[in-house]
N, C-alpha and C. Protein backbone atom coordinates (compact mmCIF):
# COMPACT_ATOMS: atom_id res chain seq x y z
N UNK A 1 15.60 -1.25 -8.23
CA UNK A 1 15.36 -0.11 -7.38
C UNK A 1 16.16 -0.79 -6.07
N UNK A 2 16.88 -0.02 -5.33
CA UNK A 2 17.50 0.10 -4.13
C UNK A 2 16.72 0.40 -3.30
N UNK A 3 16.89 -0.34 -2.17
CA UNK A 3 16.27 -0.18 -0.61
C UNK A 3 17.01 -0.30 -0.08
N UNK A 4 16.81 0.47 1.52
CA UNK A 4 17.50 -0.24 2.58
C UNK A 4 17.08 -2.02 2.79
N UNK A 5 18.00 -2.57 3.52
CA UNK A 5 17.68 -4.01 3.46
C UNK A 5 16.83 -4.37 4.75
N UNK A 6 16.59 -3.70 5.99
CA UNK A 6 16.45 -3.73 7.13
C UNK A 6 14.84 -4.29 6.93
N UNK A 7 13.89 -3.31 6.34
CA UNK A 7 12.66 -3.54 6.80
C UNK A 7 11.88 -3.18 5.10
N UNK A 8 12.86 -3.59 4.13
CA UNK A 8 12.15 -3.44 2.90
C UNK A 8 12.14 -5.03 2.21
N UNK A 9 11.01 -5.32 2.00
CA UNK A 9 10.76 -6.44 0.93
C UNK A 9 10.72 -6.44 -0.52
N UNK A 10 10.60 -7.34 -1.50
CA UNK A 10 10.18 -7.24 -2.70
C UNK A 10 8.51 -7.71 -2.24
N UNK A 11 8.54 -9.03 -2.34
CA UNK A 11 7.38 -9.74 -2.24
C UNK A 11 6.96 -9.60 -0.46
N UNK A 12 5.67 -9.70 -0.46
CA UNK A 12 4.93 -9.41 1.16
C UNK A 12 5.33 -10.94 1.90
N UNK A 13 7.07 -10.61 2.18
CA UNK A 13 7.52 -11.86 3.15
C UNK A 13 8.52 -11.34 4.57
N UNK A 14 7.13 -10.56 5.18
CA UNK A 14 7.62 -10.36 6.57
C UNK A 14 7.80 -11.80 7.57
N UNK A 15 9.04 -11.34 8.25
CA UNK A 15 9.20 -12.83 9.37
C UNK A 15 8.29 -12.95 10.55
N UNK A 16 8.03 -13.98 10.85
CA UNK A 16 6.93 -14.35 11.38
C UNK A 16 6.89 -13.49 12.93
N UNK A 17 8.30 -13.26 13.33
CA UNK A 17 7.83 -12.00 14.42
C UNK A 17 7.45 -10.90 14.41
N UNK A 18 7.42 -10.47 12.88
CA UNK A 18 6.82 -9.00 12.73
C UNK A 18 5.61 -8.85 12.18
N UNK A 19 4.95 -7.59 12.49
CA UNK A 19 3.51 -7.31 12.07
C UNK A 19 3.72 -7.31 10.38
N UNK A 20 2.66 -7.51 10.03
CA UNK A 20 2.32 -7.86 8.71
C UNK A 20 2.73 -6.51 7.73
N UNK A 21 3.18 -6.55 6.56
CA UNK A 21 3.84 -5.44 5.84
C UNK A 21 2.82 -4.21 5.28
N UNK A 22 3.64 -3.44 5.07
CA UNK A 22 2.36 -2.55 4.01
C UNK A 22 2.54 -2.69 2.98
N UNK A 23 1.92 -2.84 1.99
CA UNK A 23 1.92 -2.78 0.27
C UNK A 23 1.67 -1.62 -0.26
N UNK A 24 2.59 -0.93 -1.05
CA UNK A 24 2.46 0.18 -1.53
C UNK A 24 2.42 0.20 -3.01
N UNK A 25 1.46 0.06 -4.07
CA UNK A 25 1.10 -0.29 -5.46
C UNK A 25 1.42 1.21 -6.06
N UNK A 26 2.23 1.15 -7.06
CA UNK A 26 1.80 2.41 -7.76
C UNK A 26 3.12 2.33 -8.75
N UNK A 27 2.74 2.96 -10.64
CA UNK A 27 3.55 2.69 -11.26
C UNK A 27 4.50 3.14 -11.68
N UNK A 28 4.77 4.56 -10.92
CA UNK A 28 5.81 5.48 -11.10
C UNK A 28 6.69 4.94 -10.21
N UNK A 29 8.01 4.82 -10.74
CA UNK A 29 9.34 4.01 -10.18
C UNK A 29 9.79 4.98 -9.29
N UNK A 30 9.96 6.25 -9.57
CA UNK A 30 10.62 7.09 -8.58
C UNK A 30 9.53 7.00 -7.14
N UNK A 31 8.47 7.43 -7.27
CA UNK A 31 7.74 7.60 -6.59
C UNK A 31 7.46 6.46 -5.58
N UNK A 32 7.35 5.22 -6.20
CA UNK A 32 7.55 3.92 -5.46
C UNK A 32 8.83 3.92 -4.82
N UNK A 33 9.86 4.17 -4.84
CA UNK A 33 10.91 3.94 -4.44
C UNK A 33 10.80 4.93 -3.50
N UNK A 34 10.61 6.21 -3.36
CA UNK A 34 10.56 7.28 -2.41
C UNK A 34 9.78 6.64 -1.44
N UNK A 35 8.71 6.23 -1.54
CA UNK A 35 7.58 5.89 -0.56
C UNK A 35 8.01 4.71 0.19
N UNK A 36 8.69 3.81 -0.47
CA UNK A 36 9.01 2.45 -0.02
C UNK A 36 10.09 3.10 1.35
N UNK A 37 11.02 3.91 0.74
CA UNK A 37 12.12 4.21 1.63
C UNK A 37 12.09 4.83 2.54
N UNK A 38 10.99 5.67 2.62
CA UNK A 38 10.51 6.68 3.70
C UNK A 38 9.87 5.72 4.61
N UNK A 39 8.96 4.85 4.37
CA UNK A 39 8.33 3.58 5.24
C UNK A 39 9.16 3.08 6.17
N UNK A 40 10.00 2.61 5.17
CA UNK A 40 11.37 1.45 5.83
C UNK A 40 11.97 2.28 6.99
N UNK A 41 12.57 3.53 6.38
CA UNK A 41 12.72 4.33 7.45
C UNK A 41 12.44 4.56 8.59
N UNK A 42 10.91 4.80 8.48
CA UNK A 42 9.98 5.15 9.52
C UNK A 42 9.85 3.72 10.62
N UNK A 43 10.22 2.27 9.92
CA UNK A 43 10.20 1.30 10.73
C UNK A 43 9.52 -0.14 10.57
N UNK A 44 8.64 0.24 9.19
CA UNK A 44 7.84 -0.44 8.67
C UNK A 44 8.33 -1.42 7.61
N UNK A 45 7.94 -2.23 7.57
CA UNK A 45 8.39 -3.56 6.77
C UNK A 45 7.20 -3.36 5.72
N UNK A 46 7.97 -3.25 4.39
CA UNK A 46 7.41 -2.74 3.10
C UNK A 46 7.26 -3.72 2.22
N UNK A 47 6.11 -4.11 0.97
CA UNK A 47 6.27 -4.61 0.41
C UNK A 47 5.99 -3.68 -1.16
N UNK A 48 6.13 -3.83 -2.52
CA UNK A 48 5.86 -3.17 -3.03
C UNK A 48 5.43 -4.00 -4.22
N UNK A 49 4.39 -3.09 -5.30
CA UNK A 49 3.79 -3.64 -6.51
C UNK A 49 3.72 -2.56 -7.39
N UNK A 50 4.08 -2.91 -8.88
CA UNK A 50 3.46 -1.84 -9.83
C UNK A 50 2.35 -1.43 -10.36
N UNK A 51 1.22 -2.36 -10.32
CA UNK A 51 -0.08 -2.36 -10.64
C UNK A 51 -1.16 -3.25 -10.03
N UNK A 52 -1.87 -3.00 -10.29
CA UNK A 52 -3.03 -4.28 -9.19
C UNK A 52 -2.76 -5.45 -9.84
N UNK A 53 -2.00 -5.85 -10.73
CA UNK A 53 -2.25 -7.53 -11.16
C UNK A 53 -0.77 -7.73 -10.14
N UNK A 54 0.31 -6.98 -10.10
CA UNK A 54 1.07 -7.29 -9.27
C UNK A 54 0.92 -7.19 -7.75
N UNK A 55 0.31 -6.44 -7.37
CA UNK A 55 -0.19 -6.62 -6.13
C UNK A 55 -0.86 -8.02 -5.90
N UNK A 56 -1.88 -8.26 -6.46
CA UNK A 56 -2.55 -9.33 -6.44
C UNK A 56 -1.17 -10.83 -6.21
N UNK A 57 -0.45 -10.75 -7.02
CA UNK A 57 0.40 -11.88 -6.75
C UNK A 57 1.22 -11.50 -6.03
N UNK A 58 1.62 -10.95 -5.44
CA UNK A 58 2.67 -10.31 -4.06
C UNK A 58 1.51 -10.88 -3.14
N UNK A 59 0.17 -10.43 -2.68
CA UNK A 59 -0.42 -10.71 -1.91
C UNK A 59 -0.63 -12.38 -2.04
N UNK A 60 -1.03 -12.98 -2.82
CA UNK A 60 -0.72 -14.36 -3.16
C UNK A 60 -0.02 -15.22 -2.54
N UNK A 61 1.49 -14.77 -3.04
CA UNK A 61 2.64 -14.99 -2.46
C UNK A 61 3.10 -14.87 -1.10
N UNK A 62 2.56 -13.80 -0.35
CA UNK A 62 3.13 -13.68 0.98
C UNK A 62 2.58 -13.14 1.72
N UNK A 63 1.11 -13.86 1.93
CA UNK A 63 -0.01 -13.09 2.42
C UNK A 63 -0.70 -11.75 2.71
N UNK A 64 -1.57 -11.59 3.26
CA UNK A 64 -2.02 -10.39 3.25
C UNK A 64 -1.26 -9.43 4.24
N UNK A 65 -1.15 -7.79 3.60
CA UNK A 65 -0.75 -6.72 4.26
C UNK A 65 -1.40 -6.04 5.44
N UNK A 66 -0.81 -5.41 6.03
CA UNK A 66 -1.50 -4.72 7.16
C UNK A 66 -2.38 -3.88 6.64
N UNK A 67 -1.82 -2.83 5.57
CA UNK A 67 -2.74 -1.72 5.13
C UNK A 67 -2.12 -1.74 3.54
N UNK A 68 -2.63 -1.42 2.44
CA UNK A 68 -2.41 -1.19 0.99
C UNK A 68 -2.45 0.36 0.82
N UNK A 69 -1.42 0.98 0.21
CA UNK A 69 -1.48 2.50 -0.70
C UNK A 69 -1.40 2.21 -1.87
N UNK A 70 -2.84 2.68 -2.37
CA UNK A 70 -3.20 2.01 -3.90
C UNK A 70 -3.45 3.59 -4.87
N UNK A 71 -2.20 3.40 -5.51
CA UNK A 71 -2.51 4.27 -6.65
C UNK A 71 -3.81 3.79 -7.49
N UNK A 72 -4.40 4.84 -8.42
CA UNK A 72 -5.43 4.71 -8.90
C UNK A 72 -5.34 4.43 -10.49
N UNK A 73 -4.19 5.42 -11.19
CA UNK A 73 -3.92 5.33 -12.50
C UNK A 73 -2.81 4.36 -12.49
N UNK A 74 -2.96 3.39 -13.20
CA UNK A 74 -1.66 2.14 -13.46
C UNK A 74 -2.49 1.10 -14.65
N UNK A 75 -1.04 0.72 -15.09
CA UNK A 75 -1.23 0.09 -16.55
C UNK A 75 -1.37 -1.62 -16.04
N UNK A 76 -2.20 -2.30 -16.71
CA UNK A 76 -2.18 -3.73 -16.16
C UNK A 76 -3.63 -3.54 -15.61
N UNK A 77 -3.65 -3.59 -14.84
CA UNK A 77 -4.80 -3.45 -13.46
C UNK A 77 -4.56 -2.12 -13.04
N UNK A 78 -5.94 -1.31 -13.11
CA UNK A 78 -6.07 0.09 -12.54
C UNK A 78 -6.17 -0.14 -11.00
N UNK A 79 -6.24 0.95 -10.41
CA UNK A 79 -6.69 0.86 -8.76
C UNK A 79 -8.02 0.46 -8.42
N UNK A 80 -8.98 0.64 -9.57
CA UNK A 80 -10.27 0.77 -9.38
C UNK A 80 -10.81 -0.57 -9.74
N UNK A 81 -9.78 -1.01 -10.72
CA UNK A 81 -9.69 -2.79 -11.13
C UNK A 81 -9.66 -3.45 -9.92
N UNK A 82 -8.59 -3.17 -9.35
CA UNK A 82 -8.03 -3.84 -8.14
C UNK A 82 -9.06 -3.83 -6.72
N UNK A 83 -9.85 -2.60 -6.79
CA UNK A 83 -10.43 -2.34 -5.95
C UNK A 83 -12.05 -3.43 -6.02
N UNK A 84 -12.17 -3.68 -7.27
CA UNK A 84 -13.18 -4.38 -7.33
C UNK A 84 -12.97 -5.60 -7.14
N UNK A 85 -11.90 -6.01 -7.55
CA UNK A 85 -11.37 -7.53 -7.24
C UNK A 85 -11.24 -7.72 -5.92
N UNK A 86 -10.79 -6.99 -4.90
CA UNK A 86 -10.61 -6.86 -3.68
C UNK A 86 -12.24 -7.19 -2.98
N UNK A 87 -13.34 -6.57 -3.26
CA UNK A 87 -14.34 -6.55 -3.05
C UNK A 87 -14.68 -8.14 -3.04
N UNK A 88 -14.70 -8.32 -3.83
CA UNK A 88 -15.18 -10.35 -4.16
C UNK A 88 -14.02 -11.10 -3.36
N UNK A 89 -13.50 -10.64 -2.56
CA UNK A 89 -12.27 -11.63 -1.89
C UNK A 89 -12.79 -11.65 -0.56
N UNK A 90 -13.14 -12.34 0.27
CA UNK A 90 -13.74 -12.31 1.44
C UNK A 90 -12.35 -11.88 2.29
N UNK A 91 -11.15 -12.29 2.35
CA UNK A 91 -10.13 -11.76 3.11
C UNK A 91 -9.55 -10.70 2.61
N UNK A 92 -9.26 -10.22 1.51
CA UNK A 92 -8.75 -8.83 1.11
C UNK A 92 -9.35 -7.49 1.39
N UNK A 93 -10.83 -7.86 1.42
CA UNK A 93 -11.47 -7.20 1.54
C UNK A 93 -11.56 -6.37 3.29
N UNK A 94 -10.83 -7.44 4.04
CA UNK A 94 -10.71 -6.82 5.25
C UNK A 94 -9.46 -5.87 5.36
N UNK A 95 -8.61 -6.14 4.41
CA UNK A 95 -7.19 -4.96 4.36
C UNK A 95 -7.81 -3.79 4.19
N UNK A 96 -7.37 -2.71 4.89
CA UNK A 96 -7.60 -1.23 4.93
C UNK A 96 -6.71 -0.67 3.45
N UNK A 97 -7.59 0.02 2.79
CA UNK A 97 -6.88 0.77 1.52
C UNK A 97 -6.89 1.72 1.66
N UNK A 98 -5.39 2.58 1.50
CA UNK A 98 -5.44 4.31 1.41
C UNK A 98 -5.12 4.66 -0.10
N UNK A 99 -6.00 5.25 -0.50
CA UNK A 99 -5.97 5.24 -1.99
C UNK A 99 -5.04 6.91 -2.36
N UNK A 100 -3.91 6.69 -2.88
CA UNK A 100 -3.34 8.04 -3.31
C UNK A 100 -3.37 8.44 -4.77
N UNK A 101 -3.94 9.68 -4.56
CA UNK A 101 -4.46 9.88 -6.41
C UNK A 101 -4.39 11.48 -6.24
N UNK A 102 -3.56 12.14 -7.48
CA UNK A 102 -3.63 13.31 -7.56
C UNK A 102 -4.84 13.70 -8.86
N UNK A 103 -5.81 13.17 -8.29
CA UNK A 103 -7.12 13.31 -9.16
C UNK A 103 -8.18 13.03 -8.16
N UNK A 104 -9.68 13.90 -8.66
CA UNK A 104 -10.36 13.80 -7.56
C UNK A 104 -10.80 12.04 -7.64
N UNK A 105 -11.06 11.91 -6.27
CA UNK A 105 -11.59 10.47 -6.61
C UNK A 105 -13.30 10.28 -6.47
N UNK A 106 -13.76 9.79 -7.15
CA UNK A 106 -15.25 9.86 -7.66
C UNK A 106 -15.81 8.61 -7.49
N UNK A 107 -15.61 8.05 -6.54
CA UNK A 107 -16.30 6.67 -6.30
C UNK A 107 -16.64 6.87 -5.02
N UNK A 108 -17.63 5.70 -4.24
CA UNK A 108 -18.01 5.73 -3.41
C UNK A 108 -17.11 4.92 -2.21
N UNK A 109 -16.23 5.83 -1.23
CA UNK A 109 -15.01 5.09 -0.70
C UNK A 109 -15.72 4.02 0.20
N UNK A 110 -17.20 4.22 0.55
CA UNK A 110 -17.52 2.79 1.71
C UNK A 110 -17.42 1.80 0.53
N UNK A 111 -18.28 2.16 -0.12
CA UNK A 111 -18.56 0.84 -1.33
C UNK A 111 -17.54 0.03 -1.83
N UNK A 112 -16.17 0.56 -1.79
CA UNK A 112 -15.13 -0.31 -1.86
C UNK A 112 -14.39 -0.32 -0.77
N UNK A 113 -14.53 0.01 0.26
CA UNK A 113 -13.83 0.04 1.31
C UNK A 113 -12.20 0.77 1.55
N UNK A 114 -12.32 1.58 0.62
CA UNK A 114 -11.41 2.68 1.15
C UNK A 114 -11.50 3.25 2.25
N UNK A 115 -10.25 3.22 3.27
CA UNK A 115 -10.43 4.10 4.54
C UNK A 115 -10.02 5.17 4.52
N UNK A 116 -9.33 5.81 3.66
CA UNK A 116 -8.43 6.95 3.41
C UNK A 116 -8.05 7.58 1.85
N UNK A 117 -8.11 8.64 1.87
CA UNK A 117 -7.45 9.51 0.65
C UNK A 117 -6.61 10.29 0.85
N UNK A 118 -5.24 10.24 0.56
CA UNK A 118 -4.11 11.01 0.35
C UNK A 118 -3.94 11.58 -1.21
N UNK A 119 -4.07 13.08 -1.01
CA UNK A 119 -3.72 13.94 -2.66
C UNK A 119 -2.17 13.87 -3.03
N UNK A 120 -1.89 13.28 -3.73
CA UNK A 120 -0.75 13.35 -4.87
C UNK A 120 -0.89 15.04 -4.96
N UNK A 121 0.13 15.70 -4.61
CA UNK A 121 1.51 15.64 -3.90
C UNK A 121 1.29 15.70 -2.48
N UNK A 122 1.47 14.65 -1.80
CA UNK A 122 1.39 14.56 -0.04
C UNK A 122 2.75 14.91 0.51
N UNK A 123 2.69 14.75 1.73
CA UNK A 123 4.02 14.98 2.39
C UNK A 123 4.27 13.69 3.23
N UNK A 124 5.65 13.73 3.47
CA UNK A 124 6.11 12.23 4.33
C UNK A 124 5.01 12.02 5.49
N UNK A 125 4.88 13.73 6.46
CA UNK A 125 4.05 13.39 7.46
C UNK A 125 2.80 12.90 7.24
N UNK A 126 2.31 13.21 5.83
CA UNK A 126 0.63 12.72 5.77
C UNK A 126 0.72 11.09 5.62
N UNK A 127 1.88 10.74 4.88
CA UNK A 127 1.95 9.31 4.49
C UNK A 127 1.88 8.61 6.05
N UNK A 128 3.09 9.28 6.89
CA UNK A 128 3.50 8.47 8.17
C UNK A 128 1.86 8.37 8.83
N UNK A 129 1.32 9.76 8.82
CA UNK A 129 0.01 9.63 9.59
C UNK A 129 -1.02 8.83 9.25
N UNK A 130 -0.80 8.62 7.72
CA UNK A 130 -2.34 7.30 7.48
C UNK A 130 -1.44 5.89 7.75
N UNK A 131 -0.16 5.70 7.78
CA UNK A 131 0.32 4.41 8.00
C UNK A 131 0.36 3.92 9.64
N UNK A 132 0.50 5.05 10.26
CA UNK A 132 0.36 4.82 11.88
C UNK A 132 -1.44 4.72 11.80
N UNK A 133 -1.73 5.38 11.60
CA UNK A 133 -3.52 5.49 11.84
C UNK A 133 -4.20 3.87 11.21
N UNK A 134 -3.53 3.58 10.36
CA UNK A 134 -4.48 2.07 9.70
C UNK A 134 -3.57 0.85 9.86
N UNK A 135 -2.61 0.92 10.64
CA UNK A 135 -1.39 -0.25 11.11
C UNK A 135 -1.46 -0.31 12.50
N UNK A 136 -1.88 0.91 13.26
CA UNK A 136 -2.19 0.98 14.58
C UNK A 136 -0.56 0.78 15.31
N UNK A 137 0.39 0.94 14.43
CA UNK A 137 1.64 0.71 14.77
C UNK A 137 2.49 2.48 15.31
N UNK A 138 2.97 2.31 16.45
CA UNK A 138 3.52 3.15 17.03
C UNK A 138 4.94 3.29 16.96
N UNK A 139 5.39 4.29 15.51
CA UNK A 139 6.62 4.17 14.96
C UNK A 139 7.51 5.29 15.48
N UNK A 140 8.64 5.03 15.54
CA UNK A 140 9.92 5.71 16.24
C UNK A 140 10.31 6.74 15.33
N UNK A 141 10.42 8.05 16.15
CA UNK A 141 10.94 9.03 15.51
C UNK A 141 11.14 10.42 16.62
């Protein structure tokens, strides 16, 4: 995956002077690349993972992100399994999660600490609005 270098990271290794990165978790390679590139172009530092288990590994290595954009249907560890694990972790459950799903979300958002759901396919503006709303960042455009 090729990405612009200025704001994109693999692991969550934001430098000490920046805000915590956004973590995008999705197993669709093409969509993941587009989301990461769009958020980076908007000025965010972005990390990514291809499933819930990879996301936990990235968080363990790089620290807590500012917000997690999470697909629900992934191999290895689904979004639902990630959310269950997240709720058992005192620090991780403080991180807002925006679920990205093409299907109706059938769980209690409040029970899993989900702050927002964006339905696929969604627009770039929907993505940026959710990022701004849950990071508190004012992004230039």
